[in-house]
Structure formats: C-alpha cells, structure tokens
Amino acid sequence: MILYENERARELVNRYADTILRLSYTYLKNTHDAQDICQDVLVKLLTEPRTFESPDHERAWVLRVTANACKDLLKSAWRKRTCGLDESLEVPAPEAEDGTVLAAVNALPPRYRAVIYLYYYEGYQAAEIGQILGIPTATVHTRLARGRERLKLELGGTEYGQQTV
C-alpha cells in the first residue's frame, strides 16, 4: 500500500508540480509561498480521493484549487500582518530579465496575469479559464483584452508585427 502511495505521489509531482508552481508564482510573486501552495495542493490531491472524468478534468481541478489557495493566502489576515524573510533580508527571488514578455506578464495585476498565463502558457480556452477561476467567460474575455492592451503598451507595440522605437 505504501509503495503505491509513493508511486502515486511521484506521478502527481511529475505531472503537476511545475504547473502549480508557475501559476502560484504568478499570483504570489514569492517562490517560497508558491512552493507551499504546491505542497498543499498535492497533499490535498493525495489525501482526499476524487474521481475525475478525464485527465483534463483532473488538471482543471488542480489549477482551480491552486488559484483558490493563492487567493486565500493573499487575503489572509496573517499575510497582511507579517513580513516575509525575503523582504527583511532583501534577497529577491530570481526574476525574468527586464524587457522580456514574461517580465511584462509578471508586472500585470493579478486578475490579468492569471488569465494571460492560463490562456497563453497553459493553452486553456476562455470558457475553461472561467471555470477554473470561477468567473464568467465574458469576464475572461474582458481581462484578456485589457491584459493584452497593457502588455502592448508595456512592450511598445502599436500594431501586429510593429514596435515603436
């Protein structure tokens, strides 16, 4: 029984850890908090058995739980009253280089950052993103459009294939 649980845990980590970490980091901007969320989501997946209709359904559930866990952490009273060690030591987590698209995406507000990430990096459609984040599809389209507009301004694009100098 223990061998099966270890194999299952290893399989889940290989399948979802990177995705959970990346989505968590887009919300939290903190590597250690993202790792904590990743661990919590994986433990929840292991300890609370569920049946999923398909691998896509399982993946969507994992992303939804991850997004909700990040939102809960961001609005927690504990987080508002405490200061992280990285802030007190001023040792920043590795960031994307300035001027890259990833750096521009990470600079977006969380509501735009999450939908842009799920759409472009994870390949989800707007309706699926709406289900994952618990928002209407129309809101996803609005946030995608506004996020793209902010990225266009940030990256200096004016029209498709053109950049201002």
C-alpha atoms as a PDB file:
ATOM      1  CA  MET A   1       0.000   0.000   0.000  1.00  0.00           C
ATOM      2  CA  ILE A   2       2.807   2.415   0.917  1.00  0.00           C
ATOM      3  CA  LEU A   3       4.626   1.623  -2.320  1.00  0.00           C
ATOM      4  CA  TYR A   4       1.503   2.502  -4.323  1.00  0.00           C
ATOM      5  CA  GLU A   5       1.088   5.793  -2.434  1.00  0.00           C
ATOM      6  CA  ASN A   6       4.729   6.706  -3.074  1.00  0.00           C
ATOM      7  CA  GLU A   7       4.360   5.944  -6.767  1.00  0.00           C
ATOM      8  CA  ARG A   8       1.131   7.959  -6.923  1.00  0.00           C
ATOM      9  CA  ALA A   9       2.794  10.893  -5.142  1.00  0.00           C
ATOM     10  CA  ARG A  10       5.774  10.762  -7.504  1.00  0.00           C
ATOM     11  CA  GLU A  11       3.445  10.625 -10.511  1.00  0.00           C
ATOM     12  CA  LEU A  12       1.444  13.645  -9.312  1.00  0.00           C
ATOM     13  CA  VAL A  13       4.579  15.656  -8.591  1.00  0.00           C
ATOM     14  CA  ASN A  14       5.980  14.901 -12.050  1.00  0.00           C
ATOM     15  CA  ARG A  15       2.675  15.765 -13.706  1.00  0.00           C
ATOM     16  CA  TYR A  16       1.573  18.881 -11.807  1.00  0.00           C
ATOM     17  CA  ALA A  17       4.309  20.415  -9.646  1.00  0.00           C
ATOM     18  CA  ASP A  18       5.742  22.690 -12.342  1.00  0.00           C
ATOM     19  CA  THR A  19       2.309  23.925 -13.420  1.00  0.00           C
ATOM     20  CA  ILE A  20       1.197  24.569  -9.837  1.00  0.00           C
ATOM     21  CA  LEU A  21       4.428  26.405  -9.036  1.00  0.00           C
ATOM     22  CA  ARG A  22       4.214  28.627 -12.107  1.00  0.00           C
ATOM     23  CA  LEU A  23       0.551  29.527 -11.533  1.00  0.00           C
ATOM     24  CA  SER A  24       1.169  30.149  -7.823  1.00  0.00           C
ATOM     25  CA  TYR A  25       4.141  32.377  -8.585  1.00  0.00           C
ATOM     26  CA  THR A  26       2.055  34.469 -10.991  1.00  0.00           C
ATOM     27  CA  TYR A  27      -0.316  35.194  -8.114  1.00  0.00           C
ATOM     28  CA  LEU A  28       2.064  35.451  -5.169  1.00  0.00           C
ATOM     29  CA  LYS A  29       5.359  36.726  -6.651  1.00  0.00           C
ATOM     30  CA  ASN A  30       7.145  34.690  -3.987  1.00  0.00           C
ATOM     31  CA  THR A  31       8.921  31.412  -4.641  1.00  0.00           C
ATOM     32  CA  HIS A  32       8.529  30.048  -1.107  1.00  0.00           C
ATOM     33  CA  ASP A  33       4.809  30.803  -0.914  1.00  0.00           C
ATOM     34  CA  ALA A  34       4.375  29.192  -4.330  1.00  0.00           C
ATOM     35  CA  GLN A  35       6.162  26.091  -3.056  1.00  0.00           C
ATOM     36  CA  ASP A  36       3.884  25.980  -0.001  1.00  0.00           C
ATOM     37  CA  ILE A  37       0.798  26.203  -2.215  1.00  0.00           C
ATOM     38  CA  CYS A  38       2.194  23.460  -4.445  1.00  0.00           C
ATOM     39  CA  GLN A  39       2.707  21.185  -1.471  1.00  0.00           C
ATOM     40  CA  ASP A  40      -0.779  21.916  -0.104  1.00  0.00           C
ATOM     41  CA  VAL A  41      -2.463  21.194  -3.433  1.00  0.00           C
ATOM     42  CA  LEU A  42      -0.552  17.955  -3.960  1.00  0.00           C
ATOM     43  CA  VAL A  43      -1.294  16.782  -0.417  1.00  0.00           C
ATOM     44  CA  LYS A  44      -4.961  17.587  -0.919  1.00  0.00           C
ATOM     45  CA  LEU A  45      -4.977  15.611  -4.156  1.00  0.00           C
ATOM     46  CA  LEU A  46      -3.366  12.634  -2.411  1.00  0.00           C
ATOM     47  CA  THR A  47      -5.345  12.639   0.833  1.00  0.00           C
ATOM     48  CA  GLU A  48      -8.796  13.453  -0.467  1.00  0.00           C
ATOM     49  CA  PRO A  49      -9.524  10.828  -3.126  1.00  0.00           C
ATOM     50  CA  ARG A  50     -11.642  12.008  -6.022  1.00  0.00           C
ATOM     51  CA  THR A  51     -12.766  10.531  -9.287  1.00  0.00           C
ATOM     52  CA  PHE A  52     -12.215  12.617 -12.368  1.00  0.00           C
ATOM     53  CA  GLU A  53     -13.918  12.258 -15.727  1.00  0.00           C
ATOM     54  CA  SER A  54     -10.655  12.638 -17.613  1.00  0.00           C
ATOM     55  CA  PRO A  55      -7.046  13.813 -17.193  1.00  0.00           C
ATOM     56  CA  ASP A  56      -8.161  17.261 -18.415  1.00  0.00           C
ATOM     57  CA  HIS A  57     -10.803  17.365 -15.685  1.00  0.00           C
ATOM     58  CA  GLU A  58      -8.168  16.467 -13.078  1.00  0.00           C
ATOM     59  CA  ARG A  59      -5.794  19.141 -14.404  1.00  0.00           C
ATOM     60  CA  ALA A  60      -8.548  21.772 -14.358  1.00  0.00           C
ATOM     61  CA  TRP A  61      -9.378  20.804 -10.757  1.00  0.00           C
ATOM     62  CA  VAL A  62      -5.720  21.144  -9.760  1.00  0.00           C
ATOM     63  CA  LEU A  63      -5.489  24.607 -11.361  1.00  0.00           C
ATOM     64  CA  ARG A  64      -8.747  25.721  -9.748  1.00  0.00           C
ATOM     65  CA  VAL A  65      -7.622  24.571  -6.298  1.00  0.00           C
ATOM     66  CA  THR A  66      -4.266  26.279  -6.852  1.00  0.00           C
ATOM     67  CA  ALA A  67      -5.877  29.592  -7.850  1.00  0.00           C
ATOM     68  CA  ASN A  68      -8.235  29.457  -4.872  1.00  0.00           C
ATOM     69  CA  ALA A  69      -5.411  28.644  -2.457  1.00  0.00           C
ATOM     70  CA  CYS A  70      -3.406  31.603  -3.770  1.00  0.00           C
ATOM     71  CA  LYS A  71      -6.378  33.945  -3.418  1.00  0.00           C
ATOM     72  CA  ASP A  72      -6.992  32.711   0.126  1.00  0.00           C
ATOM     73  CA  LEU A  73      -3.373  33.315   1.047  1.00  0.00           C
ATOM     74  CA  LEU A  74      -3.369  36.804  -0.476  1.00  0.00           C
ATOM     75  CA  LYS A  75      -6.421  37.889   1.502  1.00  0.00           C
ATOM     76  CA  SER A  76      -5.466  36.201   4.785  1.00  0.00           C
ATOM     77  CA  ALA A  77      -5.090  38.421   7.830  1.00  0.00           C
ATOM     78  CA  TRP A  78      -1.834  36.670   8.717  1.00  0.00           C
ATOM     79  CA  ARG A  79      -0.245  37.721   5.433  1.00  0.00           C
ATOM     80  CA  LYS A  80      -1.280  41.346   5.949  1.00  0.00           C
ATOM     81  CA  ARG A  81       0.263  41.485   9.442  1.00  0.00           C
ATOM     82  CA  THR A  82       3.558  39.733   8.772  1.00  0.00           C
ATOM     83  CA  CYS A  83       6.693  40.409   6.792  1.00  0.00           C
ATOM     84  CA  GLY A  84       8.410  37.662   4.840  1.00  0.00           C
ATOM     85  CA  LEU A  85      12.032  36.774   5.390  1.00  0.00           C
ATOM     86  CA  ASP A  86      12.880  37.697   1.813  1.00  0.00           C
ATOM     87  CA  GLU A  87      11.625  41.225   2.446  1.00  0.00           C
ATOM     88  CA  SER A  88      13.621  41.615   5.627  1.00  0.00           C
ATOM     89  CA  LEU A  89      16.776  40.169   4.085  1.00  0.00           C
ATOM     90  CA  GLU A  90      16.172  41.844   0.736  1.00  0.00           C
ATOM     91  CA  VAL A  91      17.191  38.749  -1.196  1.00  0.00           C
ATOM     92  CA  PRO A  92      14.865  38.686  -4.203  1.00  0.00           C
ATOM     93  CA  ALA A  93      13.778  35.518  -5.945  1.00  0.00           C
ATOM     94  CA  PRO A  94      15.162  35.091  -9.467  1.00  0.00           C
ATOM     95  CA  GLU A  95      13.058  37.162 -11.829  1.00  0.00           C
ATOM     96  CA  ALA A  96      12.683  37.238 -15.569  1.00  0.00           C
ATOM     97  CA  GLU A  97      15.002  39.691 -17.272  1.00  0.00           C
ATOM     98  CA  ASP A  98      13.612  43.168 -17.855  1.00  0.00           C
ATOM     99  CA  GLY A  99      12.240  43.664 -21.326  1.00  0.00           C
ATOM    100  CA  THR A 100      11.046  40.091 -21.782  1.00  0.00           C
ATOM    101  CA  VAL A 101       7.443  39.155 -22.347  1.00  0.00           C
ATOM    102  CA  LEU A 102       7.450  37.075 -19.155  1.00  0.00           C
ATOM    103  CA  ALA A 103       8.639  40.075 -17.132  1.00  0.00           C
ATOM    104  CA  ALA A 104       5.842  42.163 -18.647  1.00  0.00           C
ATOM    105  CA  VAL A 105       3.263  39.457 -17.855  1.00  0.00           C
ATOM    106  CA  ASN A 106       4.546  39.231 -14.267  1.00  0.00           C
ATOM    107  CA  ALA A 107       4.171  43.014 -13.950  1.00  0.00           C
ATOM    108  CA  LEU A 108       0.441  42.830 -14.718  1.00  0.00           C
ATOM    109  CA  PRO A 109      -2.130  42.996 -11.900  1.00  0.00           C
ATOM    110  CA  PRO A 110      -3.117  39.503 -10.654  1.00  0.00           C
ATOM    111  CA  ARG A 111      -6.526  39.474 -12.370  1.00  0.00           C
ATOM    112  CA  TYR A 112      -4.957  39.975 -15.800  1.00  0.00           C
ATOM    113  CA  ARG A 113      -1.816  37.950 -15.054  1.00  0.00           C
ATOM    114  CA  ALA A 114      -3.783  34.782 -14.197  1.00  0.00           C
ATOM    115  CA  VAL A 115      -5.932  34.764 -17.354  1.00  0.00           C
ATOM    116  CA  ILE A 116      -2.982  35.661 -19.607  1.00  0.00           C
ATOM    117  CA  TYR A 117      -0.935  32.856 -18.040  1.00  0.00           C
ATOM    118  CA  LEU A 118      -3.662  30.230 -18.352  1.00  0.00           C
ATOM    119  CA  TYR A 119      -4.511  31.262 -21.918  1.00  0.00           C
ATOM    120  CA  TYR A 120      -1.043  31.624 -23.413  1.00  0.00           C
ATOM    121  CA  TYR A 121       1.186  29.435 -21.246  1.00  0.00           C
ATOM    122  CA  GLU A 122      -1.198  26.598 -20.370  1.00  0.00           C
ATOM    123  CA  GLY A 123      -3.300  26.683 -23.555  1.00  0.00           C
ATOM    124  CA  TYR A 124      -6.760  26.892 -21.987  1.00  0.00           C
ATOM    125  CA  GLN A 125      -9.732  28.407 -23.788  1.00  0.00           C
ATOM    126  CA  ALA A 126     -11.680  31.300 -22.238  1.00  0.00           C
ATOM    127  CA  ALA A 127     -14.592  29.113 -21.123  1.00  0.00           C
ATOM    128  CA  GLU A 128     -12.197  26.698 -19.397  1.00  0.00           C
ATOM    129  CA  ILE A 129     -10.372  29.572 -17.697  1.00  0.00           C
ATOM    130  CA  GLY A 130     -13.718  30.876 -16.465  1.00  0.00           C
ATOM    131  CA  GLN A 131     -14.473  27.510 -14.905  1.00  0.00           C
ATOM    132  CA  ILE A 132     -11.023  27.238 -13.344  1.00  0.00           C
ATOM    133  CA  LEU A 133     -11.110  30.734 -11.840  1.00  0.00           C
ATOM    134  CA  GLY A 134     -14.835  30.750 -11.079  1.00  0.00           C
ATOM    135  CA  ILE A 135     -15.622  33.783 -13.239  1.00  0.00           C
ATOM    136  CA  PRO A 136     -17.909  34.242 -16.266  1.00  0.00           C
ATOM    137  CA  THR A 137     -16.453  33.633 -19.731  1.00  0.00           C
ATOM    138  CA  ALA A 138     -17.220  37.238 -20.688  1.00  0.00           C
ATOM    139  CA  THR A 139     -15.075  38.416 -17.778  1.00  0.00           C
ATOM    140  CA  VAL A 140     -12.231  36.215 -19.025  1.00  0.00           C
ATOM    141  CA  HIS A 141     -12.501  37.811 -22.476  1.00  0.00           C
ATOM    142  CA  THR A 142     -12.514  41.283 -20.923  1.00  0.00           C
ATOM    143  CA  ARG A 143      -9.482  40.544 -18.761  1.00  0.00           C
ATOM    144  CA  LEU A 144      -7.633  39.020 -21.716  1.00  0.00           C
ATOM    145  CA  ALA A 145      -8.323  42.118 -23.827  1.00  0.00           C
ATOM    146  CA  ARG A 146      -7.289  44.505 -21.060  1.00  0.00           C
ATOM    147  CA  GLY A 147      -4.216  42.421 -20.236  1.00  0.00           C
ATOM    148  CA  ARG A 148      -3.183  42.370 -23.899  1.00  0.00           C
ATOM    149  CA  GLU A 149      -3.658  46.139 -24.087  1.00  0.00           C
ATOM    150  CA  ARG A 150      -1.447  46.666 -21.045  1.00  0.00           C
ATOM    151  CA  LEU A 151       1.169  44.316 -22.481  1.00  0.00           C
ATOM    152  CA  LYS A 152       1.066  46.158 -25.786  1.00  0.00           C
ATOM    153  CA  LEU A 153       1.693  49.467 -24.014  1.00  0.00           C
ATOM    154  CA  GLU A 154       4.397  47.953 -21.803  1.00  0.00           C
ATOM    155  CA  LEU A 155       6.230  46.242 -24.664  1.00  0.00           C
ATOM    156  CA  GLY A 156       5.887  49.157 -27.051  1.00  0.00           C
ATOM    157  CA  GLY A 157       3.789  47.511 -29.737  1.00  0.00           C
ATOM    158  CA  THR A 158       1.399  49.546 -31.834  1.00  0.00           C
ATOM    159  CA  GLU A 159       0.189  47.095 -34.443  1.00  0.00           C
ATOM    160  CA  TYR A 160       0.781  43.450 -35.207  1.00  0.00           C
ATOM    161  CA  GLY A 161       4.450  42.939 -36.025  1.00  0.00           C
ATOM    162  CA  GLN A 162       5.465  46.524 -35.307  1.00  0.00           C
ATOM    163  CA  GLN A 163       7.212  48.130 -32.375  1.00  0.00           C
ATOM    164  CA  THR A 164       7.889  51.733 -31.598  1.00  0.00           C
ATOM    165  CA  VAL A 165      11.496  52.770 -31.310  1.00  0.00           C
END
